[in-house]
């Protein structure tokens, strides 16, 4: 009986590990083309295609859910088997997640309407340009806030920011090159309508897994992403969605 009891204890001790490895993943994203959006009741986008390919390659039991960023970001820090894409990897966030990527690299810069004739070469110019609306949930808002800009005010969504800019409620907009066309379109603007100004920051985007997720799962996803790079499937997906953007370099 003692031996059987010992085996039973060992089996029960191993059960949580097996459950973690086989548990269904909850993969979250926010609406934001070209990374993720809904068209004709179907979830589409560059990030969606990459994640779906990784789900297939890893054999994971997983589903992708779209929700507002603030809620998704909160859920991704609570409990095991949750992931969030596409998430900017920053020093402040480093210990909050386990990281798979990068899947995107973008340059965040200021843009003005070409018709304004503005020239922005420094943050002092930005501060003197008038009200600057930036979504509160964006890391660029946190970074600008840390710089002490007095003309910065937070808005709830990127759509609010673009609408204000299009209606002359601000002379500058802060957008990433990978999002420019899709972000401007709902306001009736095109990239040809805006003038690129100074680059504020560069960001690398990852799939961020919760800290409580089994590290072996995260390692498998990173390994399969590396294989996608080697066999060309990652590049094929990237070029389909972002033909004018440079793919991110593989991690060293």
Protein backbone atom coordinates (compact mmCIF):
# COMPACT_ATOMS: atom_id res chain seq x y z
CA UNK A 1 0.00 0.00 0.00
CA UNK A 2 2.86 2.37 0.81
CA UNK A 3 4.36 1.95 -2.66
CA UNK A 4 1.00 2.41 -4.33
CA UNK A 5 0.33 5.47 -2.25
CA UNK A 6 3.71 6.91 -3.27
CA UNK A 7 2.94 6.36 -6.94
CA UNK A 8 -0.45 7.96 -6.40
CA UNK A 9 1.10 11.05 -4.84
CA UNK A 10 3.60 11.27 -7.69
CA UNK A 11 0.82 10.96 -10.27
CA UNK A 12 -1.22 13.70 -8.60
CA UNK A 13 1.86 15.93 -8.43
CA UNK A 14 2.42 15.54 -12.14
CA UNK A 15 -1.21 16.16 -13.07
CA UNK A 16 -1.02 19.99 -12.90
CA UNK A 17 2.00 19.95 -15.23
CA UNK A 18 0.15 17.80 -17.75
CA UNK A 19 -2.90 20.04 -17.48
CA UNK A 20 -0.80 23.12 -18.18
CA UNK A 21 0.76 21.55 -21.24
CA UNK A 22 -2.59 20.42 -22.65
CA UNK A 23 -4.76 23.30 -21.47
CA UNK A 24 -6.63 25.42 -23.97
CA UNK A 25 -4.98 28.74 -24.66
CA UNK A 26 -6.99 31.92 -24.59
CA UNK A 27 -5.39 34.27 -27.14
CA UNK A 28 -6.53 37.88 -27.00
CA UNK A 29 -6.19 40.76 -29.44
CA UNK A 30 -7.64 44.24 -29.94
CA UNK A 31 -9.32 45.60 -33.08
CA UNK A 32 -6.68 47.37 -35.14
CA UNK A 33 -5.96 46.68 -38.80
CA UNK A 34 -3.79 45.41 -40.30
CA UNK A 35 -2.95 43.29 -37.23
CA UNK A 36 -6.48 42.20 -36.36
CA UNK A 37 -9.97 43.24 -37.41
CA UNK A 38 -13.37 41.81 -38.25
CA UNK A 39 -14.66 41.81 -41.83
CA UNK A 40 -17.89 40.04 -42.86
CA UNK A 41 -18.05 38.49 -39.37
CA UNK A 42 -14.60 36.93 -39.86
CA UNK A 43 -11.48 37.67 -37.85
CA UNK A 44 -8.70 38.74 -40.21
CA UNK A 45 -5.31 40.44 -40.19
CA UNK A 46 -1.57 39.91 -40.25
CA UNK A 47 -1.31 39.00 -36.59
CA UNK A 48 -4.31 36.70 -36.86
CA UNK A 49 -2.72 34.78 -39.75
CA UNK A 50 0.60 34.43 -37.90
CA UNK A 51 -1.08 33.23 -34.70
CA UNK A 52 -3.32 30.78 -36.57
CA UNK A 53 -0.28 29.30 -38.30
CA UNK A 54 1.45 28.94 -34.94
CA UNK A 55 -1.62 27.29 -33.43
CA UNK A 56 -1.57 24.74 -36.23
CA UNK A 57 2.17 24.11 -36.01
CA UNK A 58 2.22 23.75 -32.22
CA UNK A 59 -0.96 21.65 -32.14
CA UNK A 60 -2.33 23.95 -29.45
CA UNK A 61 -5.93 23.98 -28.35
CA UNK A 62 -6.56 27.68 -28.71
CA UNK A 63 -9.07 30.30 -29.69
CA UNK A 64 -8.56 33.95 -30.62
CA UNK A 65 -10.79 36.53 -28.97
CA UNK A 66 -11.09 40.22 -29.87
CA UNK A 67 -11.79 42.78 -27.16
CA UNK A 68 -10.76 46.31 -26.11
CA UNK A 69 -7.07 46.65 -25.30
CA UNK A 70 -7.47 47.64 -21.63
CA UNK A 71 -9.53 44.55 -20.83
CA UNK A 72 -7.27 42.24 -22.85
CA UNK A 73 -4.12 43.64 -21.22
CA UNK A 74 -5.60 43.10 -17.76
CA UNK A 75 -6.72 39.54 -18.49
CA UNK A 76 -3.32 38.63 -19.95
CA UNK A 77 -1.74 39.32 -16.57
CA UNK A 78 -4.17 37.10 -14.64
CA UNK A 79 -3.82 33.35 -14.51
CA UNK A 80 -2.26 30.77 -16.85
CA UNK A 81 -2.75 30.00 -20.54
CA UNK A 82 -3.52 33.53 -21.73
CA UNK A 83 -1.67 35.39 -24.49
CA UNK A 84 -2.05 38.85 -26.04
CA UNK A 85 -0.97 40.09 -29.45
CA UNK A 86 0.43 42.31 -30.74
CA UNK A 87 2.11 43.72 -27.61
CA UNK A 88 4.96 46.23 -27.52
CA UNK A 89 7.85 44.84 -25.48
CA UNK A 90 9.13 47.49 -23.08
CA UNK A 91 11.38 47.48 -19.98
CA UNK A 92 8.33 48.24 -17.83
CA UNK A 93 6.46 45.22 -19.20
CA UNK A 94 9.39 42.83 -19.38
CA UNK A 95 8.67 40.94 -16.16
CA UNK A 96 4.89 40.92 -16.61
CA UNK A 97 4.88 38.48 -19.53
CA UNK A 98 6.73 35.73 -21.38
CA UNK A 99 7.55 36.83 -24.92
CA UNK A 100 7.28 35.20 -28.35
CA UNK A 101 8.52 37.23 -31.30
CA UNK A 102 9.11 39.76 -32.57
CA UNK A 103 6.37 39.63 -35.19
CA UNK A 104 6.39 43.35 -36.06
CA UNK A 105 8.70 46.35 -35.84
CA UNK A 106 7.35 49.83 -36.34
CA UNK A 107 8.47 53.46 -36.26
CA UNK A 108 6.23 55.82 -34.32
CA UNK A 109 6.42 59.33 -35.71
CA UNK A 110 4.49 62.56 -35.75
CA UNK A 111 2.50 63.50 -38.82
CA UNK A 112 0.90 66.79 -39.83
CA UNK A 113 -1.46 67.62 -42.65
CA UNK A 114 0.57 68.59 -45.70
CA UNK A 115 -1.61 71.65 -46.10
CA UNK A 116 -0.44 72.99 -42.71
CA UNK A 117 3.17 73.52 -43.79
CA UNK A 118 4.40 72.56 -40.31
CA UNK A 119 7.94 71.38 -39.63
CA UNK A 120 8.56 69.41 -36.46
CA UNK A 121 12.17 68.62 -35.54
CA UNK A 122 12.07 68.35 -31.75
CA UNK A 123 9.79 67.73 -28.77
CA UNK A 124 9.90 71.47 -28.16
CA UNK A 125 8.25 71.91 -31.56
CA UNK A 126 5.69 69.27 -30.58
CA UNK A 127 4.94 71.06 -27.31
CA UNK A 128 4.37 74.32 -29.20
CA UNK A 129 2.13 72.78 -31.86
CA UNK A 130 -1.14 72.88 -29.93
CA UNK A 131 -3.25 70.12 -28.33
CA UNK A 132 -1.89 66.61 -28.91
CA UNK A 133 -4.40 63.78 -28.52
CA UNK A 134 -3.01 60.27 -27.96
CA UNK A 135 -4.88 57.11 -26.83
CA UNK A 136 -4.29 56.58 -23.13
CA UNK A 137 -3.71 52.84 -23.53
CA UNK A 138 -0.80 53.32 -25.94
CA UNK A 139 2.75 53.03 -24.68
CA UNK A 140 3.62 56.18 -26.65
CA UNK A 141 1.20 58.08 -24.38
CA UNK A 142 3.11 56.87 -21.33
CA UNK A 143 6.41 57.83 -22.97
CA UNK A 144 5.21 61.32 -23.87
CA UNK A 145 3.74 61.79 -20.42
CA UNK A 146 7.13 60.93 -18.94
CA UNK A 147 8.64 63.69 -21.09
CA UNK A 148 6.38 66.18 -19.33
CA UNK A 149 4.51 67.52 -22.38
CA UNK A 150 1.92 70.01 -21.17
CA UNK A 151 -0.17 69.86 -24.35
CA UNK A 152 -0.76 66.10 -24.14
CA UNK A 153 -4.22 64.78 -23.37
CA UNK A 154 -5.46 61.22 -23.40
CA UNK A 155 -8.36 60.00 -25.53
CA UNK A 156 -10.17 56.65 -25.23
CA UNK A 157 -9.49 55.19 -28.69
CA UNK A 158 -7.27 55.64 -31.76
CA UNK A 159 -10.40 56.45 -33.75
CA UNK A 160 -11.06 59.42 -31.46
CA UNK A 161 -7.52 60.67 -32.01
CA UNK A 162 -7.76 60.45 -35.81
CA UNK A 163 -11.20 62.08 -35.90
CA UNK A 164 -9.99 65.04 -33.82
CA UNK A 165 -6.97 65.46 -36.09
CA UNK A 166 -9.06 65.30 -39.27
CA UNK A 167 -11.40 67.97 -37.90
CA UNK A 168 -8.59 70.36 -37.05
CA UNK A 169 -8.67 69.77 -33.29
CA UNK A 170 -4.91 69.28 -33.31
CA UNK A 171 -2.05 69.97 -35.70
CA UNK A 172 -0.20 66.71 -35.11
CA UNK A 173 -1.00 63.04 -34.90
CA UNK A 174 1.23 60.27 -33.55
CA UNK A 175 1.06 57.06 -35.56
CA UNK A 176 3.14 54.04 -36.43
CA UNK A 177 4.15 53.47 -40.04
CA UNK A 178 2.63 49.97 -40.04
CA UNK A 179 -0.76 51.40 -39.03
CA UNK A 180 -0.81 54.65 -40.97
CA UNK A 181 -3.03 53.78 -43.94
CA UNK A 182 -5.59 51.81 -41.94
CA UNK A 183 -5.78 54.38 -39.15
CA UNK A 184 -6.31 57.34 -41.48
CA UNK A 185 -8.87 55.71 -43.77
CA UNK A 186 -11.97 55.95 -41.49
CA UNK A 187 -11.45 59.74 -41.28
CA UNK A 188 -11.29 60.06 -45.07
CA UNK A 189 -7.54 60.62 -45.13
CA UNK A 190 -4.75 58.87 -47.02
CA UNK A 191 -0.98 58.73 -46.40
CA UNK A 192 -0.55 61.24 -49.26
CA UNK A 193 -2.52 63.78 -47.19
CA UNK A 194 -0.06 63.85 -44.31
CA UNK A 195 3.55 64.97 -43.91
CA UNK A 196 5.92 62.67 -41.97
CA UNK A 197 7.71 64.50 -39.18
CA UNK A 198 10.25 63.40 -36.58
CA UNK A 199 10.44 59.79 -35.37
CA UNK A 200 9.56 59.61 -31.69
CA UNK A 201 10.26 55.96 -30.97
CA UNK A 202 10.59 52.50 -32.47
CA UNK A 203 8.70 49.51 -31.16
CA UNK A 204 8.93 45.75 -31.48
CA UNK A 205 5.71 43.76 -31.16
CA UNK A 206 5.39 40.30 -29.63
CA UNK A 207 2.88 37.69 -28.58
CA UNK A 208 2.85 38.17 -24.79
CA UNK A 209 2.02 35.10 -22.69
CA UNK A 210 0.99 35.41 -19.04
CA UNK A 211 3.68 34.66 -16.48
CA UNK A 212 1.71 31.66 -15.19
CA UNK A 213 1.67 29.91 -18.57
CA UNK A 214 3.90 26.81 -18.77
CA UNK A 215 7.30 28.03 -20.08
CA UNK A 216 7.52 24.90 -22.22
CA UNK A 217 4.47 26.10 -24.16
CA UNK A 218 6.06 29.50 -24.72
CA UNK A 219 9.33 27.90 -25.85
CA UNK A 220 7.44 25.74 -28.36
CA UNK A 221 5.75 28.81 -29.84
CA UNK A 222 9.07 30.64 -30.13
CA UNK A 223 10.67 27.62 -31.78
CA UNK A 224 7.85 27.31 -34.32
CA UNK A 225 8.01 31.03 -35.10
CA UNK A 226 11.73 30.60 -35.82
CA UNK A 227 10.86 27.70 -38.14
CA UNK A 228 8.34 29.91 -39.95
CA UNK A 229 11.13 32.39 -40.57
CA UNK A 230 13.41 29.66 -41.89
CA UNK A 231 10.89 28.11 -44.28
CA UNK A 232 9.64 31.45 -45.64
CA UNK A 233 6.04 31.18 -44.43
CA UNK A 234 6.42 34.14 -42.06
CA UNK A 235 7.76 36.31 -44.87
CA UNK A 236 4.90 35.26 -47.15
CA UNK A 237 2.29 36.31 -44.58
CA UNK A 238 4.14 39.54 -43.87
CA UNK A 239 4.37 40.55 -47.53
CA UNK A 240 0.70 39.81 -48.06
CA UNK A 241 -0.34 42.28 -45.38
CA UNK A 242 2.55 44.76 -45.20
CA UNK A 243 4.24 44.94 -48.59
CA UNK A 244 5.79 48.36 -47.91
CA UNK A 245 7.16 47.63 -44.43
CA UNK A 246 10.44 45.98 -43.49
CA UNK A 247 9.95 42.65 -41.64
CA UNK A 248 11.38 42.51 -38.11
CA UNK A 249 14.80 40.99 -37.65
CA UNK A 250 15.00 37.60 -35.98
CA UNK A 251 16.09 37.68 -32.32
CA UNK A 252 19.75 36.99 -31.71
